[in-house]
């Protein structure tokens, strides 16, 4: 929630309204540990969500600033889990994490005192091991594997590993989806990228096929990792200011187009069908050539060797009927695949 530390009520109102228009049900409040730092922001978020009939749940980040003390987790869940805005599953307050498997035993008492439904991301130990931690304290699992490794396209092998383990334990899966990933923030130890391009559309097709219990979009406003689909907000750029070795590569780079076709995709996921109320075309591309950074590129070497970041323009057309599509760029004409 560092990107919302300076938010006022109207900022939350705008974000939640846009999310609802995209048919998104809830925000995951991903928070690194910091004593008392999030209290005012959390309170404002829940107040606005209650008024707008929107949902929120906590995702405790155990990596960004170290482990969360059990008492602090309990405090937040006990304070907000009764809110009408707190997302619930099976009438239990839903809660997640970013890693934190070393603190798995903490969740026995947390669950006992809050009756929460616990779906952590303990991807670093794998699904099978995660389900065995703390006598099977997890009620389900969330995977962080939203991007392909190397230069290839995304596949569902990691999803399948999670689903197989969860099915044996009769527990649900939260599937990740993300448009792409780029980060160049030396202060935070982030200097890498993942293959993106057509990932946003391809991953939704995989969601339709797998049909998990939940889908979590990574992310709404993580400007530093470039996969935000929410609106740009100058109040959310303070991490760039803190990282003196970085530059603000999010400013002037809106990603709002990725939300345009979300109502259709989310309705198909939820209901198995959806209607095209308005035909649309969305285009996206990188503003620099794949070779622009030379030998000092922040893109991982294996991605460069694999040619993962191609000099291409991507587009997605949502149509009410079948059609043949071709795109013209200058003197070049290409047919859609």
Protein backbone atom coordinates (compact mmCIF):
# COMPACT_ATOMS: atom_id res chain seq x y z
CA UNK A 1 0.00 0.00 0.00
CA UNK A 2 3.00 2.30 -0.25
CA UNK A 3 1.58 3.65 -3.51
CA UNK A 4 -1.59 4.80 -1.73
CA UNK A 5 0.04 6.32 1.37
CA UNK A 6 -0.91 9.83 0.19
CA UNK A 7 -4.39 8.91 -1.02
CA UNK A 8 -7.42 10.91 0.04
CA UNK A 9 -11.02 9.74 -0.10
CA UNK A 10 -11.56 10.98 -3.64
CA UNK A 11 -8.56 8.97 -4.88
CA UNK A 12 -10.05 5.77 -3.47
CA UNK A 13 -13.46 6.72 -4.86
CA UNK A 14 -12.04 7.09 -8.36
CA UNK A 15 -10.09 3.83 -8.22
CA UNK A 16 -12.99 1.81 -6.84
CA UNK A 17 -15.42 3.27 -9.37
CA UNK A 18 -13.10 2.39 -12.24
CA UNK A 19 -12.61 -1.11 -10.84
CA UNK A 20 -16.36 -1.64 -10.57
CA UNK A 21 -16.81 -0.45 -14.15
CA UNK A 22 -14.29 -3.12 -15.16
CA UNK A 23 -16.33 -5.73 -13.17
CA UNK A 24 -13.56 -6.19 -10.60
CA UNK A 25 -14.98 -7.30 -7.23
CA UNK A 26 -12.23 -6.43 -4.76
CA UNK A 27 -8.81 -4.93 -4.14
CA UNK A 28 -6.07 -6.89 -2.40
CA UNK A 29 -4.41 -4.47 0.03
CA UNK A 30 -0.82 -5.65 -0.33
CA UNK A 31 1.20 -4.26 2.56
CA UNK A 32 4.82 -4.56 3.64
CA UNK A 33 5.27 -4.36 7.41
CA UNK A 34 5.73 -0.92 8.93
CA UNK A 35 4.60 0.03 12.43
CA UNK A 36 1.38 2.03 12.18
CA UNK A 37 2.24 3.32 8.71
CA UNK A 38 -0.88 2.03 6.97
CA UNK A 39 -3.51 2.77 9.62
CA UNK A 40 -4.95 5.99 8.17
CA UNK A 41 -4.84 4.73 4.59
CA UNK A 42 -6.58 1.47 5.50
CA UNK A 43 -9.29 3.25 7.45
CA UNK A 44 -10.02 5.61 4.56
CA UNK A 45 -10.07 2.73 2.08
CA UNK A 46 -12.62 0.78 4.11
CA UNK A 47 -14.80 3.84 4.68
CA UNK A 48 -14.98 4.54 0.95
CA UNK A 49 -15.47 0.86 0.06
CA UNK A 50 -18.40 0.58 2.47
CA UNK A 51 -20.09 3.54 0.78
CA UNK A 52 -19.44 2.21 -2.72
CA UNK A 53 -20.35 -1.41 -2.00
CA UNK A 54 -16.85 -2.50 -2.97
CA UNK A 55 -14.75 -5.24 -1.37
CA UNK A 56 -11.24 -5.29 0.14
CA UNK A 57 -9.00 -7.92 1.71
CA UNK A 58 -5.53 -7.92 3.23
CA UNK A 59 -2.49 -9.40 1.53
CA UNK A 60 0.38 -9.29 4.02
CA UNK A 61 3.77 -8.86 2.32
CA UNK A 62 6.43 -10.75 4.29
CA UNK A 63 9.25 -9.86 1.87
CA UNK A 64 9.19 -6.10 1.35
CA UNK A 65 10.12 -5.12 4.90
CA UNK A 66 10.49 -8.38 6.80
CA UNK A 67 7.97 -10.59 8.57
CA UNK A 68 4.70 -9.34 9.99
CA UNK A 69 4.40 -9.80 13.76
CA UNK A 70 1.47 -12.03 14.57
CA UNK A 71 -0.04 -9.40 16.87
CA UNK A 72 -0.15 -6.79 14.09
CA UNK A 73 -1.88 -9.17 11.70
CA UNK A 74 -4.42 -10.00 14.39
CA UNK A 75 -5.01 -6.33 15.11
CA UNK A 76 -5.89 -5.49 11.51
CA UNK A 77 -8.08 -8.53 10.93
CA UNK A 78 -9.96 -8.09 14.20
CA UNK A 79 -10.50 -4.40 13.47
CA UNK A 80 -11.71 -4.69 9.87
CA UNK A 81 -12.97 -8.23 9.25
CA UNK A 82 -16.48 -7.29 10.43
CA UNK A 83 -16.68 -4.43 7.91
CA UNK A 84 -19.30 -4.84 5.18
CA UNK A 85 -16.48 -4.02 2.74
CA UNK A 86 -14.26 -6.91 3.81
CA UNK A 87 -14.36 -9.67 1.20
CA UNK A 88 -15.59 -12.98 2.58
CA UNK A 89 -15.54 -16.56 1.34
CA UNK A 90 -17.90 -19.10 2.88
CA UNK A 91 -18.85 -16.29 5.26
CA UNK A 92 -15.25 -16.05 6.51
CA UNK A 93 -13.00 -12.98 6.10
CA UNK A 94 -10.61 -13.71 3.24
CA UNK A 95 -6.88 -13.04 3.70
CA UNK A 96 -3.74 -13.67 1.65
CA UNK A 97 0.02 -13.06 1.73
CA UNK A 98 3.04 -12.47 -0.41
CA UNK A 99 5.31 -15.27 0.83
CA UNK A 100 5.86 -15.63 4.59
CA UNK A 101 6.03 -19.42 4.77
CA UNK A 102 8.53 -19.14 7.66
CA UNK A 103 5.67 -17.67 9.69
CA UNK A 104 3.15 -20.36 8.78
CA UNK A 105 2.70 -21.41 12.41
CA UNK A 106 1.49 -17.89 13.28
CA UNK A 107 -1.63 -18.53 11.25
CA UNK A 108 -2.91 -21.29 13.51
CA UNK A 109 -3.68 -18.74 16.21
CA UNK A 110 -4.68 -16.04 13.71
CA UNK A 111 -7.24 -18.37 12.15
CA UNK A 112 -8.45 -19.53 15.54
CA UNK A 113 -9.08 -15.96 16.71
CA UNK A 114 -10.41 -14.44 13.48
CA UNK A 115 -12.03 -17.44 11.73
CA UNK A 116 -10.48 -16.17 8.50
CA UNK A 117 -10.24 -18.07 5.21
CA UNK A 118 -6.50 -18.15 4.52
CA UNK A 119 -5.13 -18.33 0.94
CA UNK A 120 -1.41 -17.44 1.04
CA UNK A 121 1.14 -17.12 -1.73
CA UNK A 122 3.89 -19.48 -0.62
CA UNK A 123 5.04 -20.11 -4.18
CA UNK A 124 8.72 -20.22 -3.28
CA UNK A 125 8.29 -23.60 -1.56
CA UNK A 126 5.89 -25.08 -4.13
CA UNK A 127 2.27 -26.12 -3.76
CA UNK A 128 2.80 -29.54 -2.20
CA UNK A 129 5.13 -28.27 0.53
CA UNK A 130 2.97 -25.18 1.13
CA UNK A 131 -0.06 -27.33 1.88
CA UNK A 132 1.87 -29.27 4.51
CA UNK A 133 3.13 -26.23 6.43
CA UNK A 134 1.79 -25.74 9.96
CA UNK A 135 -0.33 -28.89 9.75
CA UNK A 136 -2.11 -27.71 6.61
CA UNK A 137 -3.07 -24.28 7.91
CA UNK A 138 -3.69 -22.88 4.40
CA UNK A 139 -7.30 -23.14 3.22
CA UNK A 140 -6.22 -22.65 -0.40
CA UNK A 141 -3.22 -21.31 -2.30
CA UNK A 142 -2.33 -18.35 -4.49
CA UNK A 143 0.44 -18.67 -7.08
CA UNK A 144 2.71 -15.78 -8.07
CA UNK A 145 3.63 -17.39 -11.41
CA UNK A 146 1.86 -14.89 -13.66
CA UNK A 147 4.68 -14.47 -16.21
CA UNK A 148 6.52 -16.89 -18.50
CA UNK A 149 10.11 -17.85 -17.83
CA UNK A 150 12.71 -17.30 -20.51
CA UNK A 151 11.55 -16.11 -23.90
CA UNK A 152 8.66 -18.52 -24.43
CA UNK A 153 4.94 -17.95 -24.17
CA UNK A 154 3.00 -18.43 -20.97
CA UNK A 155 1.78 -21.93 -20.18
CA UNK A 156 -0.25 -23.54 -17.42
CA UNK A 157 2.33 -26.00 -16.06
CA UNK A 158 2.72 -24.11 -12.78
CA UNK A 159 -1.05 -23.74 -12.47
CA UNK A 160 -1.47 -27.47 -13.05
CA UNK A 161 1.03 -28.28 -10.29
CA UNK A 162 -0.94 -26.13 -7.86
CA UNK A 163 -4.29 -27.50 -8.95
CA UNK A 164 -3.17 -31.13 -8.67
CA UNK A 165 -1.92 -30.62 -5.12
CA UNK A 166 -4.96 -28.59 -4.11
CA UNK A 167 -7.43 -31.03 -5.63
CA UNK A 168 -5.93 -33.85 -3.59
CA UNK A 169 -6.51 -31.75 -0.47
CA UNK A 170 -9.94 -30.51 -1.65
CA UNK A 171 -8.82 -26.88 -1.46
CA UNK A 172 -9.32 -23.98 -3.93
CA UNK A 173 -6.85 -22.15 -6.17
CA UNK A 174 -6.34 -18.43 -6.77
CA UNK A 175 -4.82 -17.96 -10.23
CA UNK A 176 -2.60 -14.98 -11.11
CA UNK A 177 -2.86 -12.91 -14.28
CA UNK A 178 -0.76 -9.95 -15.36
CA UNK A 179 -0.12 -7.99 -18.58
CA UNK A 180 3.69 -7.81 -18.31
CA UNK A 181 6.55 -6.96 -15.93
CA UNK A 182 9.42 -4.49 -16.02
CA UNK A 183 11.29 -3.02 -13.06
CA UNK A 184 14.45 -0.91 -12.87
CA UNK A 185 14.68 0.17 -9.24
CA UNK A 186 18.19 -0.47 -7.88
CA UNK A 187 17.34 0.77 -4.37
CA UNK A 188 14.80 -2.06 -4.03
CA UNK A 189 16.98 -4.65 -5.75
CA UNK A 190 14.65 -4.79 -8.75
CA UNK A 191 16.33 -4.82 -12.13
CA UNK A 192 14.64 -7.34 -14.38
CA UNK A 193 11.85 -8.03 -16.82
CA UNK A 194 9.56 -10.81 -18.00
CA UNK A 195 8.25 -11.57 -21.46
CA UNK A 196 4.94 -9.77 -21.96
CA UNK A 197 3.54 -8.60 -25.28
CA UNK A 198 0.48 -10.73 -25.93
CA UNK A 199 0.45 -12.15 -22.38
CA UNK A 200 -2.65 -10.24 -21.24
CA UNK A 201 -4.94 -11.88 -23.80
CA UNK A 202 -3.28 -15.29 -23.71
CA UNK A 203 -3.53 -15.54 -19.95
CA UNK A 204 -7.26 -14.81 -19.97
CA UNK A 205 -7.75 -17.73 -22.36
CA UNK A 206 -5.90 -19.89 -19.83
CA UNK A 207 -8.19 -18.59 -17.08
CA UNK A 208 -11.26 -19.63 -19.09
CA UNK A 209 -9.79 -23.11 -19.53
CA UNK A 210 -8.73 -23.66 -15.90
CA UNK A 211 -11.72 -21.91 -14.30
CA UNK A 212 -10.15 -21.37 -10.85
CA UNK A 213 -12.06 -20.32 -7.75
CA UNK A 214 -10.50 -16.83 -7.90
CA UNK A 215 -8.40 -14.75 -10.28
CA UNK A 216 -6.07 -12.05 -8.95
CA UNK A 217 -4.84 -9.41 -11.39
CA UNK A 218 -1.28 -8.26 -10.75
CA UNK A 219 -1.64 -5.35 -10.45
CA UNK A 220 -3.87 -2.31 -10.08
CA UNK A 221 -1.23 0.30 -9.24
CA UNK A 222 2.27 -1.17 -8.93
CA UNK A 223 3.95 1.45 -11.09
CA UNK A 224 7.45 0.27 -10.22
CA UNK A 225 6.83 -3.16 -11.75
CA UNK A 226 4.96 -1.68 -14.74
CA UNK A 227 2.04 -4.13 -14.66
CA UNK A 228 -0.55 -1.63 -13.40
CA UNK A 229 -3.95 -1.55 -15.11
CA UNK A 230 -5.33 1.23 -12.92
CA UNK A 231 -5.05 4.95 -13.67
CA UNK A 232 -1.87 6.92 -13.21
CA UNK A 233 -1.79 8.96 -10.02
CA UNK A 234 1.06 11.32 -9.13
CA UNK A 235 0.45 10.51 -5.46
CA UNK A 236 1.55 6.95 -6.13
CA UNK A 237 5.00 7.74 -7.53
CA UNK A 238 6.84 8.22 -4.23
CA UNK A 239 8.75 4.94 -4.60
CA UNK A 240 10.47 6.41 -7.64
CA UNK A 241 11.43 9.43 -5.54
CA UNK A 242 12.87 7.19 -2.83
CA UNK A 243 14.95 5.26 -5.37
CA UNK A 244 17.50 7.89 -6.37
CA UNK A 245 19.13 5.51 -8.84
CA UNK A 246 15.92 5.04 -10.80
CA UNK A 247 13.80 7.19 -13.09
CA UNK A 248 10.04 7.47 -13.31
CA UNK A 249 9.23 5.26 -16.28
CA UNK A 250 5.51 5.17 -15.38
CA UNK A 251 4.80 8.89 -15.71
CA UNK A 252 3.05 9.59 -19.00
CA UNK A 253 2.52 5.87 -19.68
CA UNK A 254 -1.20 5.14 -19.09
CA UNK A 255 -2.34 1.51 -19.17
CA UNK A 256 -6.08 2.23 -18.98
CA UNK A 257 -6.68 0.44 -22.28
CA UNK A 258 -6.11 -2.91 -20.60
CA UNK A 259 -9.34 -2.37 -18.63
CA UNK A 260 -11.50 -1.67 -21.67
CA UNK A 261 -12.25 -5.31 -22.48
CA UNK A 262 -12.13 -6.55 -18.89
CA UNK A 263 -15.93 -6.59 -18.36
CA UNK A 264 -16.25 -9.11 -21.19
CA UNK A 265 -13.35 -11.28 -19.96
CA UNK A 266 -14.48 -11.23 -16.34
CA UNK A 267 -18.09 -12.02 -17.27
CA UNK A 268 -16.94 -15.01 -19.33
CA UNK A 269 -14.85 -16.22 -16.38
CA UNK A 270 -17.68 -15.79 -13.88
CA UNK A 271 -20.67 -16.84 -15.96
CA UNK A 272 -19.28 -18.84 -18.86
CA UNK A 273 -20.70 -16.35 -21.33
CA UNK A 274 -20.79 -12.61 -22.02
CA UNK A 275 -22.29 -10.21 -24.52
CA UNK A 276 -20.38 -7.65 -26.56
CA UNK A 277 -22.13 -4.40 -25.72
CA UNK A 278 -19.63 -2.28 -27.63
CA UNK A 279 -16.98 -3.36 -30.09
CA UNK A 280 -13.50 -2.16 -29.17
CA UNK A 281 -9.88 -2.15 -30.25
CA UNK A 282 -6.96 -1.81 -27.84
CA UNK A 283 -3.33 -1.35 -28.90
CA UNK A 284 -0.15 -1.35 -26.83
CA UNK A 285 3.58 -1.27 -27.49
CA UNK A 286 6.94 -0.38 -26.00
CA UNK A 287 8.32 3.06 -26.81
CA UNK A 288 11.93 1.87 -27.08
CA UNK A 289 13.54 -0.65 -29.37
CA UNK A 290 14.51 -4.02 -27.92
CA UNK A 291 18.17 -3.10 -28.47
CA UNK A 292 17.93 0.44 -27.09
CA UNK A 293 19.87 -0.24 -23.89
CA UNK A 294 22.75 -2.15 -25.47
CA UNK A 295 24.93 -4.09 -23.05
CA UNK A 296 23.64 -2.14 -20.06
CA UNK A 297 20.04 -3.24 -20.53
CA UNK A 298 18.08 -4.00 -17.37
CA UNK A 299 16.41 -6.84 -19.26
CA UNK A 300 17.73 -10.22 -18.15
CA UNK A 301 20.36 -11.72 -20.45
CA UNK A 302 18.36 -14.89 -21.10
CA UNK A 303 15.39 -12.83 -22.27
CA UNK A 304 17.59 -10.83 -24.63
CA UNK A 305 19.15 -13.98 -26.06
CA UNK A 306 15.71 -15.52 -26.53
CA UNK A 307 14.43 -12.41 -28.29
CA UNK A 308 11.55 -12.19 -25.82
CA UNK A 309 11.02 -8.44 -26.19
CA UNK A 310 10.18 -8.12 -29.84
CA UNK A 311 9.73 -4.83 -31.65
CA UNK A 312 6.03 -5.31 -32.22
CA UNK A 313 2.73 -3.50 -31.83
CA UNK A 314 0.07 -5.59 -30.10
CA UNK A 315 -3.68 -5.17 -30.39
CA UNK A 316 -6.85 -6.86 -29.23
CA UNK A 317 -10.19 -6.53 -31.01
CA UNK A 318 -13.45 -7.39 -29.27
CA UNK A 319 -16.12 -7.85 -31.94
CA UNK A 320 -19.79 -8.70 -32.01
CA UNK A 321 -19.39 -11.09 -34.96
CA UNK A 322 -16.69 -12.98 -36.84
CA UNK A 323 -14.43 -10.89 -39.02
CA UNK A 324 -11.08 -10.92 -40.80
CA UNK A 325 -8.78 -8.31 -39.32
CA UNK A 326 -5.72 -6.73 -40.82
CA UNK A 327 -3.56 -3.96 -39.44
CA UNK A 328 -1.57 -1.45 -41.47
CA UNK A 329 1.50 0.30 -40.07
CA UNK A 330 3.01 2.62 -42.64
CA UNK A 331 3.68 0.44 -45.67
CA UNK A 332 3.40 -2.78 -43.67
CA UNK A 333 0.18 -4.80 -43.61
CA UNK A 334 -0.38 -7.71 -41.22
CA UNK A 335 -3.31 -10.05 -40.70
CA UNK A 336 -4.37 -10.75 -37.12
CA UNK A 337 -3.84 -14.18 -35.63
